[in-house]
Protein backbone atom coordinates (compact mmCIF):
# COMPACT_ATOMS: atom_id res chain seq x y z
CA MET A 1 50.52 11.76 -50.88
CA ARG A 2 53.08 11.19 -48.12
CA PRO A 3 54.12 7.66 -47.17
CA PHE A 4 52.15 5.66 -44.65
CA ASP A 5 53.45 5.67 -41.10
CA LEU A 6 53.56 1.89 -40.96
CA ALA A 7 52.94 -1.02 -43.29
CA VAL A 8 52.34 -4.63 -42.25
CA ARG A 9 53.33 -6.70 -45.25
CA ASN A 10 52.91 -10.24 -46.66
CA GLY A 11 50.70 -11.64 -43.89
CA LEU A 12 47.47 -13.62 -44.05
CA VAL A 13 44.93 -11.06 -42.87
CA VAL A 14 42.01 -12.73 -41.14
CA ASN A 15 38.71 -11.09 -40.15
CA ALA A 16 35.59 -12.77 -38.68
CA SER A 17 34.22 -13.42 -42.18
CA SER A 18 37.05 -13.05 -44.59
CA ARG A 19 40.81 -13.57 -45.22
CA PHE A 20 43.33 -12.37 -47.78
CA HIS A 21 47.08 -12.29 -48.35
CA GLY A 22 48.33 -8.69 -48.60
CA ASP A 23 49.59 -5.49 -47.06
CA ILE A 24 48.06 -3.04 -44.59
CA GLY A 25 48.85 0.70 -44.74
CA ILE A 26 48.48 2.62 -41.44
CA ARG A 27 48.34 6.35 -41.11
CA GLU A 28 47.76 8.37 -37.90
CA GLY A 29 46.71 5.31 -35.97
CA ARG A 30 44.07 4.05 -38.40
CA ILE A 31 44.05 1.59 -41.24
CA ASP A 32 44.14 3.60 -44.42
CA GLN A 33 44.62 1.05 -47.15
CA LEU A 34 44.32 -2.69 -47.59
CA GLY A 35 46.27 -4.27 -50.49
CA GLY A 36 47.78 -2.47 -53.48
CA SER A 37 50.98 -0.48 -53.54
CA ILE A 38 51.97 0.83 -50.07
CA GLN A 39 54.94 3.03 -49.43
CA ALA A 40 55.63 3.43 -45.71
CA GLU A 41 58.21 5.00 -43.41
CA GLN A 42 58.37 1.72 -41.43
CA SER A 43 57.47 -1.84 -42.33
CA ILE A 44 56.81 -5.08 -40.54
CA ASP A 45 57.26 -8.27 -42.52
CA ALA A 46 54.50 -10.71 -41.56
CA ALA A 47 55.33 -13.41 -44.12
CA GLY A 48 54.21 -16.80 -42.84
CA LYS A 49 52.20 -15.14 -40.06
CA LEU A 50 48.57 -14.38 -39.35
CA VAL A 51 47.49 -10.78 -39.05
CA LEU A 52 44.43 -10.61 -36.76
CA PRO A 53 42.31 -7.82 -35.24
CA GLY A 54 43.68 -7.06 -31.68
CA GLY A 55 41.97 -9.14 -29.07
CA ILE A 56 39.17 -7.55 -27.00
CA ASP A 57 38.66 -8.72 -23.40
CA MET A 58 35.55 -7.04 -22.00
CA HIS A 59 35.83 -8.52 -18.54
CA VAL A 60 38.87 -7.70 -16.35
CA HIS A 61 39.40 -6.57 -12.82
CA LEU A 62 42.23 -4.00 -12.44
CA SER A 63 40.82 -1.57 -9.89
CA PRO A 64 40.05 -2.02 -6.09
CA VAL A 65 36.75 -3.23 -4.78
CA GLN A 66 35.49 -1.92 -1.44
CA LEU A 67 32.88 -4.30 -0.11
CA PRO A 68 31.25 -4.33 3.37
CA GLU A 69 33.18 -7.46 4.40
CA GLU A 70 36.56 -6.58 2.97
CA THR A 71 38.48 -4.37 0.44
CA ILE A 72 39.92 -6.33 -2.55
CA ARG A 73 43.08 -5.09 -4.17
CA TRP A 74 44.17 -7.20 -7.05
CA VAL A 75 47.87 -7.57 -7.63
CA ASP A 76 47.45 -6.11 -11.14
CA ASP A 77 46.49 -2.53 -11.84
CA PHE A 78 46.01 -0.76 -15.23
CA GLN A 79 49.83 -0.61 -15.78
CA SER A 80 50.74 -4.28 -15.24
CA GLY A 81 47.36 -5.51 -16.42
CA SER A 82 47.43 -3.63 -19.66
CA ALA A 83 51.00 -4.77 -20.24
CA ALA A 84 49.88 -8.43 -19.71
CA ALA A 85 47.07 -7.85 -22.14
CA ALA A 86 49.33 -6.47 -24.83
CA ALA A 87 51.80 -9.30 -24.37
CA GLY A 88 48.87 -11.70 -24.92
CA GLY A 89 47.72 -9.98 -28.15
CA ILE A 90 44.86 -7.94 -26.60
CA THR A 91 44.45 -4.29 -27.51
CA THR A 92 41.21 -3.38 -25.79
CA ILE A 93 39.99 -4.20 -22.25
CA GLY A 94 36.79 -3.64 -20.26
CA ASN A 95 37.32 -3.03 -16.54
CA ILE A 96 34.69 -3.89 -13.95
CA THR A 97 34.48 -0.65 -11.96
CA PHE A 98 33.03 -0.59 -8.41
CA PRO A 99 31.75 2.68 -6.90
CA LEU A 100 32.84 3.60 -3.37
CA PRO A 101 30.14 3.73 -0.64
CA GLY A 102 27.86 6.68 -1.39
CA GLU A 103 29.52 7.36 -4.77
CA THR A 104 27.53 7.90 -7.87
CA ILE A 105 28.13 5.83 -10.98
CA SER A 106 29.33 8.90 -12.87
CA ALA A 107 31.73 9.85 -10.07
CA ALA A 108 33.07 6.34 -9.87
CA LEU A 109 33.81 6.25 -13.60
CA GLN A 110 35.52 9.64 -13.48
CA ARG A 111 37.56 8.68 -10.45
CA THR A 112 38.69 5.40 -12.06
CA GLU A 113 39.64 7.11 -15.33
CA THR A 114 41.71 9.88 -13.66
CA GLU A 115 43.25 8.01 -10.73
CA GLU A 116 43.83 4.53 -12.02
CA ALA A 117 43.15 3.90 -15.74
CA HIS A 118 45.33 6.77 -16.90
CA ASN A 119 48.27 4.30 -16.75
CA SER A 120 46.82 1.96 -19.27
CA LEU A 121 49.08 0.95 -22.21
CA ILE A 122 45.99 0.04 -24.39
CA ASP A 123 42.52 1.40 -24.96
CA TYR A 124 39.76 0.52 -22.47
CA VAL A 125 36.14 0.88 -21.45
CA LEU A 126 34.72 0.86 -17.84
CA HIS A 127 31.78 -1.19 -16.76
CA PRO A 128 30.19 0.36 -13.63
CA VAL A 129 28.80 -2.08 -11.03
CA LEU A 130 25.36 -1.41 -9.62
CA LEU A 131 25.77 -2.38 -5.93
CA GLN A 132 22.42 -0.65 -5.22
CA PRO A 133 19.64 0.01 -7.79
CA ASP A 134 19.64 3.75 -7.24
CA CYS A 135 21.12 5.04 -10.50
CA LEU A 136 18.00 5.18 -12.72
CA ASN A 137 18.16 8.95 -13.09
CA GLU A 138 21.92 8.70 -14.09
CA LEU A 139 21.32 6.37 -17.06
CA PRO A 140 20.38 9.00 -19.70
CA GLN A 141 23.52 11.06 -18.96
CA LEU A 142 25.68 7.94 -19.04
CA SER A 143 24.30 6.85 -22.36
CA ASP A 144 24.70 10.32 -23.88
CA SER A 145 28.38 10.40 -22.81
CA GLY A 146 29.12 7.08 -24.53
CA GLN A 147 28.80 4.86 -21.46
CA ARG A 148 26.71 1.94 -22.74
CA SER A 149 27.20 -0.87 -20.17
CA ILE A 150 26.33 -1.63 -16.62
CA LYS A 151 27.12 -4.61 -14.34
CA ILE A 152 24.78 -6.49 -11.96
CA PHE A 153 25.76 -9.22 -9.48
CA MET A 154 22.91 -11.60 -8.80
CA MET A 155 25.21 -13.43 -6.27
CA LEU A 156 25.08 -10.43 -3.89
CA SER A 157 22.36 -10.67 -1.22
CA SER A 158 21.21 -7.13 -2.14
CA PHE A 159 19.89 -8.33 -5.40
CA ASP A 160 16.95 -10.35 -4.18
CA SER A 161 15.82 -7.54 -1.93
CA ALA A 162 15.57 -5.14 -4.85
CA THR A 163 14.72 -7.20 -7.89
CA THR A 164 11.88 -4.90 -8.98
CA GLU A 165 14.21 -1.91 -8.98
CA TYR A 166 16.88 -3.81 -10.97
CA LEU A 167 14.21 -4.75 -13.53
CA ARG A 168 13.41 -1.06 -13.99
CA ILE A 169 17.06 -0.28 -14.50
CA VAL A 170 17.60 -3.11 -17.02
CA GLU A 171 14.50 -1.97 -18.93
CA ALA A 172 15.55 1.71 -18.93
CA ALA A 173 19.07 0.81 -19.96
CA GLY A 174 17.82 -1.25 -22.88
CA LYS A 175 15.73 1.65 -24.14
CA LEU A 176 18.90 3.85 -24.01
CA GLU A 177 20.79 1.15 -26.06
CA MET A 178 22.88 0.00 -23.15
CA VAL A 179 23.74 -3.56 -22.35
CA SER A 180 23.39 -5.03 -18.83
CA MET A 181 26.17 -7.45 -17.88
CA VAL A 182 24.96 -10.04 -15.30
CA HIS A 183 26.87 -12.36 -12.96
CA CYS A 184 24.46 -15.31 -12.65
CA GLU A 185 24.61 -17.19 -9.37
CA ASP A 186 21.79 -17.34 -6.80
CA ALA A 187 22.87 -15.72 -3.56
CA SER A 188 20.25 -17.50 -1.38
CA LEU A 189 21.25 -20.92 -2.54
CA ILE A 190 24.95 -20.22 -2.13
CA GLY A 191 24.40 -19.02 1.43
CA PHE A 192 22.27 -22.04 2.28
CA LEU A 193 24.78 -24.55 0.83
CA CYS A 194 27.79 -22.91 2.40
CA LYS A 195 26.17 -22.91 5.82
CA ARG A 196 25.34 -26.59 5.51
CA LEU A 197 28.84 -27.51 4.30
CA LEU A 198 30.42 -25.59 7.22
CA ALA A 199 28.11 -27.27 9.71
CA GLU A 200 29.14 -30.67 8.37
CA GLY A 201 32.83 -29.86 8.59
CA ARG A 202 33.24 -29.71 4.78
CA GLY A 203 34.40 -26.16 4.35
CA SER A 204 37.71 -26.89 2.57
CA ALA A 205 38.38 -26.10 -1.04
CA ALA A 206 37.81 -29.78 -1.82
CA HIS A 207 34.08 -29.00 -1.46
CA TYR A 208 34.01 -25.66 -3.20
CA ALA A 209 32.14 -27.05 -6.30
CA GLU A 210 29.43 -28.34 -3.87
CA SER A 211 28.86 -24.90 -2.54
CA ARG A 212 27.86 -23.59 -5.96
CA PRO A 213 26.58 -26.51 -8.08
CA SER A 214 25.37 -25.95 -11.64
CA TYR A 215 21.74 -25.49 -10.59
CA VAL A 216 22.80 -22.41 -8.62
CA GLU A 217 23.95 -20.90 -11.90
CA THR A 218 21.19 -22.22 -13.98
CA VAL A 219 18.36 -20.80 -11.90
CA ALA A 220 20.04 -17.39 -11.96
CA VAL A 221 20.51 -17.63 -15.74
CA GLN A 222 16.82 -18.50 -16.07
CA ARG A 223 15.90 -15.45 -13.99
CA ALA A 224 18.19 -13.29 -16.10
CA ALA A 225 16.64 -14.68 -19.26
CA ALA A 226 13.26 -13.84 -17.92
CA MET A 227 14.40 -10.33 -17.16
CA ALA A 228 15.52 -9.98 -20.80
CA GLN A 229 12.17 -11.32 -21.98
CA ALA A 230 10.10 -9.10 -19.69
CA THR A 231 12.02 -5.90 -20.47
CA GLY A 232 13.02 -6.52 -24.08
CA ALA A 233 16.50 -5.30 -23.10
CA PRO A 234 19.82 -6.99 -23.97
CA LEU A 235 21.55 -9.00 -21.30
CA TYR A 236 25.15 -10.27 -21.43
CA ILE A 237 25.75 -13.28 -19.20
CA VAL A 238 29.31 -13.16 -17.94
CA HIS A 239 31.54 -16.25 -17.42
CA LEU A 240 28.90 -18.95 -17.96
CA SER A 241 30.26 -22.30 -16.86
CA SER A 242 27.76 -25.19 -17.30
CA ALA A 243 25.85 -27.14 -19.87
CA ARG A 244 22.56 -26.64 -18.08
CA ALA A 245 22.99 -22.84 -17.98
CA LEU A 246 24.00 -22.76 -21.69
CA ALA A 247 20.90 -24.72 -22.58
CA ALA A 248 18.75 -22.22 -20.66
CA CYS A 249 20.31 -19.40 -22.68
CA ARG A 250 19.71 -21.24 -25.89
CA GLN A 251 16.01 -21.75 -25.04
CA ALA A 252 15.55 -18.12 -24.05
CA ARG A 253 17.14 -16.93 -27.34
CA ASP A 254 14.85 -19.28 -29.26
CA GLU A 255 11.98 -17.56 -27.54
CA GLY A 256 13.14 -14.13 -28.64
CA ALA A 257 15.32 -12.99 -25.62
CA ARG A 258 18.24 -10.72 -26.47
CA LEU A 259 20.69 -12.77 -24.44
CA TRP A 260 24.44 -13.07 -25.09
CA VAL A 261 26.91 -15.46 -23.55
CA GLU A 262 30.53 -15.00 -22.42
CA ILE A 263 32.64 -17.84 -21.10
CA ARG A 264 36.13 -17.79 -19.53
CA PRO A 265 39.03 -20.06 -20.46
CA ILE A 266 39.30 -22.06 -17.28
CA TYR A 267 35.97 -23.64 -17.93
CA LEU A 268 37.28 -25.06 -21.26
CA TYR A 269 40.37 -26.76 -19.84
CA LEU A 270 39.93 -27.55 -16.17
CA THR A 271 37.38 -29.65 -14.26
CA ARG A 272 36.27 -30.01 -10.72
CA GLU A 273 38.77 -32.78 -10.02
CA ARG A 274 41.30 -29.98 -9.58
CA PHE A 275 39.68 -29.31 -6.23
CA GLU A 276 41.10 -32.70 -5.06
CA GLU A 277 44.65 -31.26 -5.20
CA VAL A 278 46.51 -30.11 -2.09
CA ASP A 279 46.49 -26.42 -3.27
CA ALA A 280 42.96 -26.57 -4.50
CA ALA A 281 42.09 -23.04 -3.40
CA LYS A 282 44.21 -21.65 -6.30
CA TYR A 283 41.51 -22.92 -8.71
CA VAL A 284 38.62 -21.10 -6.95
CA GLY A 285 36.50 -18.96 -9.15
CA ASN A 286 32.87 -17.95 -9.32
CA PRO A 287 31.24 -20.04 -10.75
CA PRO A 288 33.53 -23.04 -9.83
CA LEU A 289 35.08 -25.59 -12.16
CA ARG A 290 32.58 -28.10 -13.56
CA GLU A 291 32.39 -31.65 -14.98
CA PRO A 292 33.92 -32.97 -18.24
CA THR A 293 30.45 -32.97 -19.77
CA ASP A 294 30.17 -29.29 -19.11
CA VAL A 295 33.55 -28.65 -20.77
CA GLU A 296 32.44 -30.53 -23.86
CA ALA A 297 29.17 -28.57 -23.97
CA LEU A 298 31.09 -25.29 -23.95
CA TRP A 299 33.36 -26.39 -26.73
CA ASN A 300 30.30 -27.30 -28.78
CA GLY A 301 28.82 -23.87 -27.94
CA LEU A 302 31.94 -22.25 -29.36
CA ARG A 303 31.56 -24.25 -32.48
CA ASN A 304 27.85 -23.85 -33.09
CA GLY A 305 27.40 -20.22 -32.10
CA ASP A 306 25.65 -20.54 -28.76
CA ILE A 307 28.55 -18.61 -27.19
CA GLN A 308 29.35 -15.09 -28.37
CA THR A 309 32.60 -14.20 -26.55
CA VAL A 310 35.52 -15.59 -24.58
CA CYS A 311 36.95 -13.23 -22.00
CA THR A 312 39.12 -13.70 -18.94
CA ASP A 313 37.48 -12.31 -15.82
CA HIS A 314 41.11 -11.57 -15.10
CA ALA A 315 41.27 -11.30 -11.28
CA PRO A 316 44.86 -11.75 -10.29
CA TRP A 317 46.24 -12.84 -6.91
CA LEU A 318 49.47 -13.97 -5.36
CA LEU A 319 49.39 -17.65 -4.65
CA ALA A 320 49.98 -17.10 -1.00
CA ASP A 321 46.81 -14.97 -0.84
CA LYS A 322 44.77 -17.57 -2.73
CA LEU A 323 45.91 -20.25 -0.18
CA GLU A 324 45.68 -18.02 2.96
CA ALA A 325 44.79 -20.15 6.02
CA GLY A 326 41.50 -19.69 7.80
CA ARG A 327 39.34 -19.30 4.66
CA ASP A 328 36.55 -21.70 3.71
CA VAL A 329 33.92 -22.30 1.02
CA SER A 330 32.13 -19.07 2.00
CA ASN A 331 35.11 -16.75 1.48
CA PHE A 332 37.90 -18.33 -0.59
CA ARG A 333 39.43 -15.63 -2.79
CA PRO A 334 38.05 -16.09 -6.29
CA GLY A 335 39.96 -15.22 -9.48
CA ILE A 336 42.89 -16.17 -11.72
CA SER A 337 45.32 -14.22 -13.88
CA GLU A 338 44.59 -15.09 -17.59
CA LEU A 339 45.26 -12.04 -19.75
CA GLU A 340 48.47 -13.44 -21.21
CA THR A 341 47.06 -16.92 -21.86
CA LEU A 342 43.50 -16.14 -23.13
CA LEU A 343 44.31 -15.95 -26.79
CA PRO A 344 47.11 -18.55 -26.96
CA MET A 345 45.17 -21.16 -24.96
CA LEU A 346 42.06 -20.58 -27.03
CA TYR A 347 43.95 -20.64 -30.31
CA HIS A 348 45.63 -23.93 -29.34
CA GLY A 349 42.31 -25.44 -28.21
CA MET A 350 40.19 -24.15 -31.08
CA VAL A 351 42.35 -23.95 -34.16
CA VAL A 352 45.21 -26.29 -33.53
CA THR A 353 43.43 -29.03 -31.63
CA ARG A 354 39.79 -28.91 -32.82
CA LYS A 355 40.44 -27.49 -36.29
CA MET A 356 37.95 -24.74 -36.03
CA PRO A 357 38.52 -21.93 -38.51
CA VAL A 358 40.62 -18.92 -37.53
CA GLU A 359 37.69 -16.69 -38.59
CA ARG A 360 35.63 -18.15 -35.75
CA PHE A 361 38.54 -17.50 -33.33
CA VAL A 362 38.49 -13.77 -34.42
CA GLU A 363 34.75 -13.62 -34.01
CA LEU A 364 34.95 -14.85 -30.41
CA THR A 365 37.93 -12.82 -29.38
CA ALA A 366 37.40 -9.49 -31.19
CA ALA A 367 34.53 -8.94 -33.52
CA ASN A 368 31.57 -10.01 -31.38
CA ALA A 369 32.76 -8.10 -28.34
CA ALA A 370 33.24 -4.95 -30.39
CA ARG A 371 29.70 -5.27 -31.75
CA LEU A 372 28.03 -6.08 -28.44
CA PHE A 373 29.70 -3.13 -26.66
CA GLY A 374 29.24 -0.51 -29.37
CA LEU A 375 32.88 -0.32 -30.53
CA TYR A 376 32.50 -1.88 -34.05
CA PRO A 377 34.01 -1.04 -36.64
CA GLN A 378 36.36 1.18 -34.71
CA LYS A 379 37.61 -2.04 -33.02
CA GLY A 380 37.31 -5.74 -33.78
CA THR A 381 38.04 -5.69 -37.50
CA ILE A 382 40.71 -4.93 -40.02
CA ALA A 383 39.01 -2.44 -42.30
CA VAL A 384 39.78 0.92 -43.89
CA GLY A 385 38.94 3.57 -41.31
CA SER A 386 39.21 1.18 -38.25
CA ASP A 387 41.79 1.68 -35.52
CA ALA A 388 44.97 -0.09 -36.43
CA ASP A 389 44.76 -2.57 -33.58
CA LEU A 390 46.51 -5.62 -34.94
CA THR A 391 48.01 -8.82 -33.53
CA ILE A 392 50.66 -10.57 -35.63
CA TRP A 393 50.45 -14.18 -34.86
CA ASP A 394 52.94 -17.00 -35.36
CA PRO A 395 50.71 -20.07 -35.96
CA GLU A 396 53.65 -22.49 -35.75
CA GLN A 397 55.50 -21.30 -32.62
CA LYS A 398 55.75 -23.97 -29.91
CA TRP A 399 56.22 -22.69 -26.39
CA ARG A 400 55.62 -23.54 -22.77
CA VAL A 401 53.50 -21.55 -20.31
CA ARG A 402 55.56 -20.02 -17.44
CA ALA A 403 54.18 -17.57 -14.95
CA ASP A 404 57.58 -16.16 -14.19
CA ALA A 405 57.81 -14.95 -17.81
CA PHE A 406 54.55 -13.00 -17.65
CA HIS A 407 53.86 -9.34 -17.11
CA SER A 408 51.08 -9.90 -14.67
CA ARG A 409 52.15 -9.52 -11.03
CA ALA A 410 50.40 -12.73 -10.21
CA ASP A 411 53.00 -15.37 -9.49
CA PHE A 412 51.05 -18.47 -10.74
CA THR A 413 49.07 -19.77 -13.60
CA PRO A 414 46.79 -22.83 -13.63
CA TYR A 415 48.48 -23.82 -16.93
CA GLU A 416 52.13 -23.81 -15.72
CA GLY A 417 54.15 -26.02 -17.99
CA TRP A 418 51.48 -26.55 -20.63
CA GLU A 419 52.91 -26.77 -24.19
CA LEU A 420 51.08 -24.69 -26.77
CA VAL A 421 51.27 -24.08 -30.52
CA GLY A 422 50.64 -20.54 -31.71
CA LYS A 423 51.59 -17.25 -30.12
CA PRO A 424 51.11 -13.50 -30.64
CA ILE A 425 54.55 -12.03 -31.46
CA ILE A 426 53.70 -8.35 -32.22
CA THR A 427 50.80 -6.38 -30.81
CA ILE A 428 49.91 -3.04 -32.43
CA SER A 429 47.56 -0.50 -30.80
CA ARG A 430 46.35 2.40 -32.89
CA GLY A 431 49.27 1.99 -35.24
CA GLU A 432 51.94 1.81 -32.58
CA VAL A 433 53.85 -1.38 -31.68
CA VAL A 434 53.17 -1.74 -27.93
CA CYS A 435 54.63 -5.27 -27.45
CA GLU A 436 57.11 -7.25 -29.52
CA ARG A 437 58.01 -10.81 -28.55
CA GLY A 438 57.01 -10.19 -24.96
CA ARG A 439 58.85 -6.82 -24.61
CA ILE A 440 56.83 -3.70 -23.90
CA SER A 441 57.84 -0.98 -26.44
CA ALA A 442 55.43 1.91 -25.73
CA ALA A 443 54.63 4.30 -22.87
CA TRP A 444 52.14 3.50 -20.16
CA GLY A 445 49.35 6.04 -20.23
CA ARG A 446 48.87 6.02 -23.99
CA GLY A 447 45.58 4.05 -23.69
CA ARG A 448 42.33 5.94 -24.16
CA ARG A 449 38.92 5.46 -22.63
CA LEU A 450 36.58 4.65 -25.46
CA LYS A 451 33.01 5.88 -26.10
CA MET A 452 30.55 3.24 -26.99
CA ALA A 453 27.78 3.57 -29.53
CA ALA A 454 24.51 1.50 -29.38
CA ALA A 455 25.33 -1.70 -27.42
CA GLY A 456 23.74 -5.13 -27.07
CA ARG A 457 23.59 -5.97 -30.72
CA LEU A 458 25.34 -8.53 -32.96
């Protein structure tokens, strides 16, 4: 038999439920052998390093959004965004994909793949957004083609006027083994609170958390949980932020709901006191930053299994756009660039600081997302037959976060100057080194759109 294309040697290989010291043989983009004698044309020495499954971030924004009130164009596209992901140890992304007015879901996915996502450095899936619940007849075709996810925004005013139709879609999607991703904030409450704050002259970013308190999220989570219970379909709650909302998810699961929870990094490290700063608008996200008790509840949820994934909701801006004059609590620009800091920040917080096992880190950043979105075992694990998506990790490297060293076009990070321990040094996608010590080493456009199998299961 001819030599392997690539061997990764001498590392500590860690999956979600196992670890071993040994070599990995890669042939034609897949893992072909674990351990034993491996002859290869090229080798990477990972002695003293961790070898982990490539990170999976199922929640990023890299394509424009055309809304009635404005068109949003993030500063990252699939080229710069996928480069940022690779530099951060991520090998698979899931892009939130908005249809244009009058465009079908199928057409939106095809347009995004051919016009935008073709520049991706790494593999990806697309999550279509249902701005109107008029795609029921499209779902079987989507499922048959390997599209097993949809996205619903409860924070949009259109949701409440069409709840029954959305319920039918969620139910139908569940029967087709698709998972419904849900942004849980109550639109009516947000509108009411924003109007009151503006009337009282409290429209600045200092009051942003008051425009969307935790009960606004919790009541929406409770409705989503009820949707899961009524339909029997799997729901995936994106970027959950509060202890109350997490408790509501736990109760619903105890009652049999198929309900899965994603959180984003800023809710683990930052609290609402950041809104007291002069440039507070740079911290705006939906939902907003919460209290220290919420932060602690989320860390506990990571430890005890109440939370299934950690993703970024990467929505990158220039700082000047975030701080643009004339905006208020009703229309501050939400979103932060986090693709390059997701894994290092989480590793430092989980493994270095709180001494959680690396296996749990892998579960939260790779294995669970692959399972929930029908990509496992192609992605999310280091196993014979799986794609050779690997992150070689230096667990001892000390470094300082600097936005000007990142690949994202965003010019700021909320973690500027933070000192971390642990960093991805080599990222391998389907057997090809795509990033080595921050330097992109592969061609844009090599990424593939992935087909999903049955989704919504762990």
